[in-house]
Amino acid sequence: MQTMEPVRPAPPPIQPQPEVIIEARGVSKQFGKNPPVIENLSFRVQKGQIFCLLGPSGSGKSTTIRLLTGFYQPSQGEVRVMGLPPHRVNHKLRRRIGYMPQQFVLFPELTTQENINFVASVYGVSWMGRGHRVRQALEFVDLWDSRGKLASQLSGGMLRRLELASTLIHEPDLIFVDEPTAGIDPILRARFWEQFKALRDRGRTIFVTTQYVTEADYCDMVAILNEGHLLAIGTPEEIRTRAFGGELINLTVEEVNRETVQILRRTPGLQRLQTISTENLRLTVDNTSDALEHIITDFNQANIEIVNIEPYRPSFEEVFVELMENDNTREKR
């Protein structure tokens, strides 16, 4: 008698893994006998991301970007960029990388177009396609109409845009930008981030450092540095949740009293309950949807009026301050 083999379900398809462009593992950098500038940094940057390294001045951002571009070598740990240690990246791979430094490093006595032409020649962009590339790069940063101006005649914001155009002239796949929006006005700052997003949408990978905490929300992944060590890493929303220990709800009632507090303490997934004023409270919960439904039901049953209740999304400035305060508290213990 022939037996039937049980039908086994087909294995799930193998999901393609995002390509890792940059990887740092346990990286530290020390100069002489001084304390380490950065210590035990580990992170990955995937292809097609805007990855932000955020921290105050002196936190180690520029040192990190110089390690990733091969200017420095780590005192400890390991760095890989496109699969190789940065100082061993060959000429072919270097042509896939762009770097925009903090300071203007081009030629003040050359025109905008001459500066771009010079950088294009350094990267080996042929004469055949260079004219189109130069125009494309200058139009991308709104400098085509200023192509005949000497760099010395450009404003600070225009110089930063010229630096960006020079970084993009050879169409790199990986772009390092160190403090690109430092010292420029908010309108131009927003324009820079629009350009970074457009580059990301074309498949480019952007590694950016900044000390402006509000810029974190423009990025796919954020790593926060403080005094050389990593405080948090993740998407902006993941870091928000981690900083406060959960999701936040703002609640307004006619009066905060013992009964309202007792009801709120029964909220599922409650992590923290703060009294903000005589009418306002803030809850930290595991899940806002579950908590909101429970609170509204309990308050209706107790005949207590809710003036207003809504999820609260803290600004990244609040997130940054919370992380810094938590870090300082840990150091004092």
Protein backbone atom coordinates (compact mmCIF):
# COMPACT_ATOMS: atom_id res chain seq x y z
CA MET A 1 0.00 0.00 0.00
CA GLN A 2 1.40 3.34 -1.06
CA THR A 3 1.56 6.02 1.61
CA MET A 4 1.09 9.67 0.83
CA GLU A 5 3.88 12.00 1.87
CA PRO A 6 2.61 15.02 3.78
CA VAL A 7 2.65 18.16 1.71
CA ARG A 8 5.26 20.47 3.15
CA PRO A 9 4.71 24.19 2.73
CA ALA A 10 7.18 25.90 0.45
CA PRO A 11 9.89 27.77 2.35
CA PRO A 12 9.44 31.53 2.47
CA PRO A 13 11.35 33.40 -0.23
CA ILE A 14 14.72 34.74 0.83
CA GLN A 15 14.42 38.45 1.35
CA PRO A 16 17.27 40.47 -0.18
CA GLN A 17 19.34 42.20 2.50
CA PRO A 18 20.04 45.91 2.11
CA GLU A 19 23.59 46.55 1.03
CA VAL A 20 25.80 47.85 3.83
CA ILE A 21 27.91 50.74 2.52
CA ILE A 22 29.62 51.74 5.78
CA GLU A 23 30.31 49.68 8.88
CA ALA A 24 32.10 50.71 12.08
CA ARG A 25 32.78 48.12 14.79
CA GLY A 26 34.11 49.13 18.20
CA VAL A 27 35.92 52.16 16.78
CA SER A 28 37.95 54.45 19.03
CA LYS A 29 40.34 57.28 18.15
CA GLN A 30 42.94 58.68 20.51
CA PHE A 31 45.60 61.30 19.81
CA GLY A 32 48.72 60.77 21.88
CA LYS A 33 48.08 60.39 25.59
CA ASN A 34 44.88 62.47 25.52
CA PRO A 35 41.52 60.86 26.32
CA PRO A 36 39.84 59.23 23.28
CA VAL A 37 37.99 61.66 21.03
CA ILE A 38 35.57 58.89 20.12
CA GLU A 39 35.18 55.60 21.94
CA ASN A 40 33.70 52.22 20.99
CA LEU A 41 31.47 53.42 18.13
CA SER A 42 29.53 50.76 16.22
CA PHE A 43 27.00 51.42 13.45
CA ARG A 44 25.99 50.45 9.91
CA VAL A 45 24.89 52.61 7.00
CA GLN A 46 22.79 50.98 4.31
CA LYS A 47 22.67 51.91 0.65
CA GLY A 48 20.16 54.60 -0.24
CA GLN A 49 19.93 56.11 3.27
CA ILE A 50 20.45 59.54 4.70
CA PHE A 51 22.44 58.69 7.82
CA CYS A 52 22.87 61.53 10.31
CA LEU A 53 25.59 61.79 12.93
CA LEU A 54 24.16 64.30 15.41
CA GLY A 55 25.90 65.89 18.36
CA PRO A 56 27.07 69.13 19.94
CA SER A 57 30.31 70.81 18.95
CA GLY A 58 33.27 68.77 20.18
CA SER A 59 31.35 65.49 20.39
CA GLY A 60 33.55 63.72 17.82
CA LYS A 61 31.54 64.11 14.60
CA SER A 62 34.35 65.47 12.42
CA THR A 63 36.82 62.92 13.79
CA THR A 64 34.37 60.15 12.86
CA ILE A 65 33.89 61.42 9.32
CA ARG A 66 37.67 61.72 8.89
CA LEU A 67 38.03 58.10 9.96
CA LEU A 68 35.41 57.05 7.44
CA THR A 69 37.11 58.97 4.62
CA GLY A 70 40.59 57.66 5.41
CA PHE A 71 42.18 60.84 6.78
CA TYR A 72 42.63 59.07 10.12
CA GLN A 73 42.99 55.43 11.05
CA PRO A 74 41.25 54.08 14.17
CA SER A 75 43.25 53.52 17.35
CA GLN A 76 40.97 50.55 18.02
CA GLY A 77 38.22 48.79 16.14
CA GLU A 78 37.50 48.39 12.46
CA VAL A 79 35.98 50.55 9.71
CA ARG A 80 34.75 49.38 6.31
CA VAL A 81 33.60 51.63 3.47
CA MET A 82 32.29 49.78 0.44
CA GLY A 83 33.83 46.66 1.93
CA LEU A 84 37.35 48.00 2.47
CA PRO A 85 39.24 49.97 5.14
CA PRO A 86 39.02 53.62 3.97
CA HIS A 87 42.79 54.07 3.64
CA ARG A 88 42.88 51.05 1.30
CA VAL A 89 40.04 52.14 -0.97
CA ASN A 90 41.41 52.03 -4.51
CA HIS A 91 41.18 54.72 -7.15
CA LYS A 92 38.17 53.11 -8.81
CA LEU A 93 36.18 53.07 -5.56
CA ARG A 94 37.26 56.61 -4.62
CA ARG A 95 35.58 57.88 -7.77
CA ARG A 96 32.30 56.60 -6.26
CA ILE A 97 32.78 58.73 -3.12
CA GLY A 98 32.20 62.46 -2.63
CA TYR A 99 33.29 64.54 0.35
CA MET A 100 32.08 68.02 1.33
CA PRO A 101 34.25 69.43 4.15
CA GLN A 102 33.23 72.05 6.70
CA GLN A 103 35.46 74.78 5.29
CA PHE A 104 35.71 76.20 1.76
CA VAL A 105 38.71 74.53 0.08
CA LEU A 106 38.37 75.69 -3.53
CA PHE A 107 39.97 78.69 -5.25
CA PRO A 108 38.69 82.21 -4.47
CA GLU A 109 40.41 83.64 -7.58
CA LEU A 110 38.55 81.26 -9.93
CA THR A 111 34.96 81.66 -11.09
CA THR A 112 32.19 79.34 -9.97
CA GLN A 113 32.33 77.45 -13.27
CA GLU A 114 36.14 77.29 -13.29
CA ASN A 115 36.15 75.78 -9.80
CA ILE A 116 33.70 73.10 -10.86
CA ASN A 117 35.69 72.39 -14.01
CA PHE A 118 38.84 71.98 -11.95
CA VAL A 119 37.22 69.46 -9.59
CA ALA A 120 35.75 67.58 -12.58
CA SER A 121 39.25 67.26 -14.08
CA VAL A 122 40.64 65.95 -10.76
CA TYR A 123 38.04 63.17 -10.82
CA GLY A 124 38.77 62.38 -14.45
CA VAL A 125 35.46 63.54 -15.90
CA SER A 126 36.05 63.62 -19.66
CA TRP A 127 35.73 66.76 -21.76
CA MET A 128 33.02 65.08 -23.80
CA GLY A 129 30.46 65.07 -21.00
CA ARG A 130 31.92 67.67 -18.68
CA GLY A 131 29.97 70.69 -19.94
CA HIS A 132 26.67 68.95 -19.34
CA ARG A 133 27.79 67.69 -15.92
CA VAL A 134 28.95 71.16 -14.84
CA ARG A 135 25.70 72.80 -15.86
CA GLN A 136 23.67 70.02 -14.24
CA ALA A 137 25.56 70.36 -10.93
CA LEU A 138 25.31 74.16 -10.85
CA GLU A 139 21.63 74.13 -11.73
CA PHE A 140 21.01 71.58 -8.99
CA VAL A 141 22.33 74.08 -6.40
CA ASP A 142 20.86 77.18 -8.15
CA LEU A 143 24.26 78.61 -9.13
CA TRP A 144 24.14 78.43 -12.93
CA ASP A 145 23.32 82.13 -13.21
CA SER A 146 26.37 82.89 -11.02
CA ARG A 147 28.75 80.71 -13.02
CA GLY A 148 30.86 83.72 -14.09
CA LYS A 149 31.32 85.15 -10.60
CA LEU A 150 34.59 84.77 -8.77
CA ALA A 151 34.31 82.53 -5.73
CA SER A 152 35.58 85.48 -3.65
CA GLN A 153 32.45 87.41 -4.67
CA LEU A 154 30.02 84.74 -3.47
CA SER A 155 28.13 84.88 -0.18
CA GLY A 156 28.72 82.28 2.53
CA GLY A 157 25.60 80.36 1.54
CA MET A 158 26.58 80.41 -2.15
CA LEU A 159 30.04 79.08 -1.26
CA ARG A 160 28.42 76.16 0.59
CA ARG A 161 26.31 75.43 -2.48
CA LEU A 162 29.42 75.60 -4.67
CA GLU A 163 31.08 73.08 -2.36
CA LEU A 164 28.08 70.77 -2.72
CA ALA A 165 28.11 71.08 -6.52
CA SER A 166 31.83 70.23 -6.50
CA THR A 167 31.11 67.19 -4.35
CA LEU A 168 28.49 65.96 -6.84
CA ILE A 169 30.25 66.69 -10.16
CA HIS A 170 31.55 63.12 -10.59
CA GLU A 171 28.16 61.63 -9.58
CA PRO A 172 29.31 59.69 -6.50
CA ASP A 173 27.28 56.87 -4.99
CA LEU A 174 28.37 57.69 -1.41
CA ILE A 175 28.47 61.30 -0.23
CA PHE A 176 30.03 62.53 3.01
CA VAL A 177 28.91 66.00 4.10
CA ASP A 178 30.43 67.51 7.24
CA GLU A 179 28.26 70.19 8.91
CA PRO A 180 26.78 71.30 5.54
CA THR A 181 24.28 73.77 7.03
CA ALA A 182 26.48 75.40 9.69
CA GLY A 183 26.15 79.16 9.66
CA ILE A 184 23.57 79.43 6.88
CA ASP A 185 20.04 80.82 7.10
CA PRO A 186 17.01 78.55 7.72
CA ILE A 187 15.66 78.92 4.16
CA LEU A 188 18.91 77.75 2.59
CA ARG A 189 19.19 75.03 5.23
CA ALA A 190 15.80 73.66 4.16
CA ARG A 191 16.94 73.83 0.53
CA PHE A 192 20.02 71.73 1.33
CA TRP A 193 17.87 69.03 2.89
CA GLU A 194 15.56 69.03 -0.13
CA GLN A 195 18.64 68.40 -2.26
CA PHE A 196 19.86 65.61 0.02
CA LYS A 197 16.46 63.92 -0.16
CA ALA A 198 16.46 64.22 -3.96
CA LEU A 199 19.88 62.56 -4.06
CA ARG A 200 18.69 59.82 -1.71
CA ASP A 201 15.67 59.20 -3.93
CA ARG A 202 18.08 58.66 -6.84
CA GLY A 203 19.76 55.86 -4.89
CA ARG A 204 22.67 57.82 -3.40
CA THR A 205 23.83 57.24 0.17
CA ILE A 206 24.48 60.34 2.28
CA PHE A 207 26.43 60.43 5.53
CA VAL A 208 25.88 63.84 7.13
CA THR A 209 27.06 65.40 10.38
CA THR A 210 25.16 68.20 12.08
CA GLN A 211 24.72 69.91 15.43
CA TYR A 212 21.22 71.16 14.56
CA VAL A 213 18.95 68.71 16.36
CA THR A 214 15.86 69.63 14.31
CA GLU A 215 17.56 68.25 11.20
CA ALA A 216 17.36 64.70 12.54
CA ASP A 217 13.78 64.42 11.28
CA TYR A 218 15.01 64.79 7.69
CA CYS A 219 17.07 61.59 7.99
CA ASP A 220 16.39 57.88 7.67
CA MET A 221 18.76 56.89 10.48
CA VAL A 222 20.25 58.97 13.27
CA ALA A 223 23.22 58.30 15.56
CA ILE A 224 23.60 60.69 18.49
CA LEU A 225 27.06 61.40 19.90
CA ASN A 226 27.95 62.95 23.23
CA GLU A 227 31.58 63.40 24.28
CA GLY A 228 32.73 60.72 21.87
CA HIS A 229 30.31 57.94 22.75
CA LEU A 230 27.08 56.83 21.16
CA LEU A 231 23.91 57.74 23.07
CA ALA A 232 21.34 56.29 20.67
CA ILE A 233 20.97 55.02 17.13
CA GLY A 234 17.84 54.28 15.10
CA THR A 235 15.14 55.95 13.05
CA PRO A 236 13.94 59.31 14.43
CA GLU A 237 10.76 57.63 15.73
CA GLU A 238 12.67 54.78 17.35
CA ILE A 239 14.90 57.27 19.16
CA ARG A 240 11.86 59.28 20.30
CA THR A 241 10.36 56.18 21.87
CA ARG A 242 13.67 55.12 23.43
CA ALA A 243 14.39 58.57 24.90
CA PHE A 244 11.10 58.75 26.78
CA GLY A 245 10.62 55.04 27.42
CA GLY A 246 7.50 54.79 25.25
CA GLU A 247 4.87 56.78 23.39
CA LEU A 248 3.40 59.98 24.85
CA ILE A 249 -0.16 61.19 25.49
CA ASN A 250 -1.23 64.66 26.58
CA LEU A 251 -4.40 64.81 28.69
CA THR A 252 -6.35 67.90 29.78
CA VAL A 253 -9.09 67.70 32.42
CA GLU A 254 -10.96 70.32 34.41
CA GLU A 255 -8.89 69.53 37.48
CA VAL A 256 -6.14 67.03 38.26
CA ASN A 257 -7.14 65.33 41.49
CA ARG A 258 -6.65 62.05 43.32
CA GLU A 259 -9.45 60.28 41.44
CA THR A 260 -8.11 61.16 37.97
CA VAL A 261 -4.64 60.00 38.96
CA GLN A 262 -5.98 56.70 40.36
CA ILE A 263 -7.88 56.05 37.12
CA LEU A 264 -4.85 56.83 34.98
CA ARG A 265 -2.63 54.50 36.98
CA ARG A 266 -4.78 51.62 35.67
CA THR A 267 -3.88 52.49 32.06
CA PRO A 268 -2.44 49.42 30.28
CA GLY A 269 1.25 49.78 29.48
CA LEU A 270 1.67 52.89 31.62
CA GLN A 271 5.35 53.69 32.13
CA ARG A 272 5.22 57.20 33.57
CA LEU A 273 2.63 59.73 34.70
CA GLN A 274 3.59 63.41 34.94
CA THR A 275 1.49 66.27 36.27
CA ILE A 276 2.27 69.25 34.06
CA SER A 277 -0.20 71.70 35.64
CA THR A 278 -3.46 71.69 37.59
CA GLU A 279 -5.30 70.69 34.38
CA ASN A 280 -2.67 68.90 32.30
CA LEU A 281 -0.99 65.51 32.53
CA ARG A 282 1.42 63.60 30.32
CA LEU A 283 1.49 59.82 30.13
CA THR A 284 4.23 57.59 28.78
CA VAL A 285 2.73 54.32 27.54
CA ASP A 286 3.69 51.29 25.49
CA ASN A 287 1.00 51.88 22.88
CA THR A 288 -1.04 55.08 22.45
CA SER A 289 -3.98 53.42 20.66
CA ASP A 290 -4.62 50.91 23.46
CA ALA A 291 -4.09 53.51 26.17
CA LEU A 292 -6.38 56.13 24.59
CA GLU A 293 -9.26 53.68 24.29
CA HIS A 294 -8.85 52.54 27.91
CA ILE A 295 -8.59 56.09 29.32
CA ILE A 296 -11.66 57.38 27.46
CA THR A 297 -13.74 54.36 28.58
CA ASP A 298 -12.67 54.67 32.24
CA PHE A 299 -13.27 58.42 32.40
CA ASN A 300 -16.73 58.06 30.83
CA GLN A 301 -17.64 55.41 33.39
CA ALA A 302 -16.47 57.70 36.19
CA ASN A 303 -18.38 60.68 34.70
CA ILE A 304 -15.19 62.73 34.50
CA GLU A 305 -15.00 65.11 31.55
CA ILE A 306 -11.94 64.98 29.30
CA VAL A 307 -11.26 68.45 27.93
CA ASN A 308 -8.66 67.15 25.46
CA ILE A 309 -6.66 63.99 24.90
CA GLU A 310 -4.21 63.33 22.07
CA PRO A 311 -0.95 61.57 21.23
CA TYR A 312 2.05 63.84 21.71
CA ARG A 313 5.02 63.77 19.35
CA PRO A 314 7.97 65.51 21.04
CA SER A 315 10.29 67.65 18.95
CA PHE A 316 13.75 66.29 18.40
CA GLU A 317 15.07 69.10 20.60
CA GLU A 318 13.10 67.57 23.49
CA VAL A 319 14.39 64.12 22.56
CA PHE A 320 17.98 65.38 22.49
CA VAL A 321 17.67 67.11 25.87
CA GLU A 322 16.10 64.00 27.42
CA LEU A 323 18.91 61.78 26.13
CA MET A 324 21.57 64.21 27.36
CA GLU A 325 20.00 64.47 30.81
CA ASN A 326 19.70 60.69 31.06
CA ASP A 327 23.33 60.33 30.02
CA ASN A 328 24.51 62.90 32.58
CA THR A 329 22.48 61.17 35.29
CA ARG A 330 24.11 57.82 34.47
CA GLU A 331 27.61 59.39 34.61
CA LYS A 332 26.97 60.81 38.10
CA ARG A 333 25.95 57.43 39.54
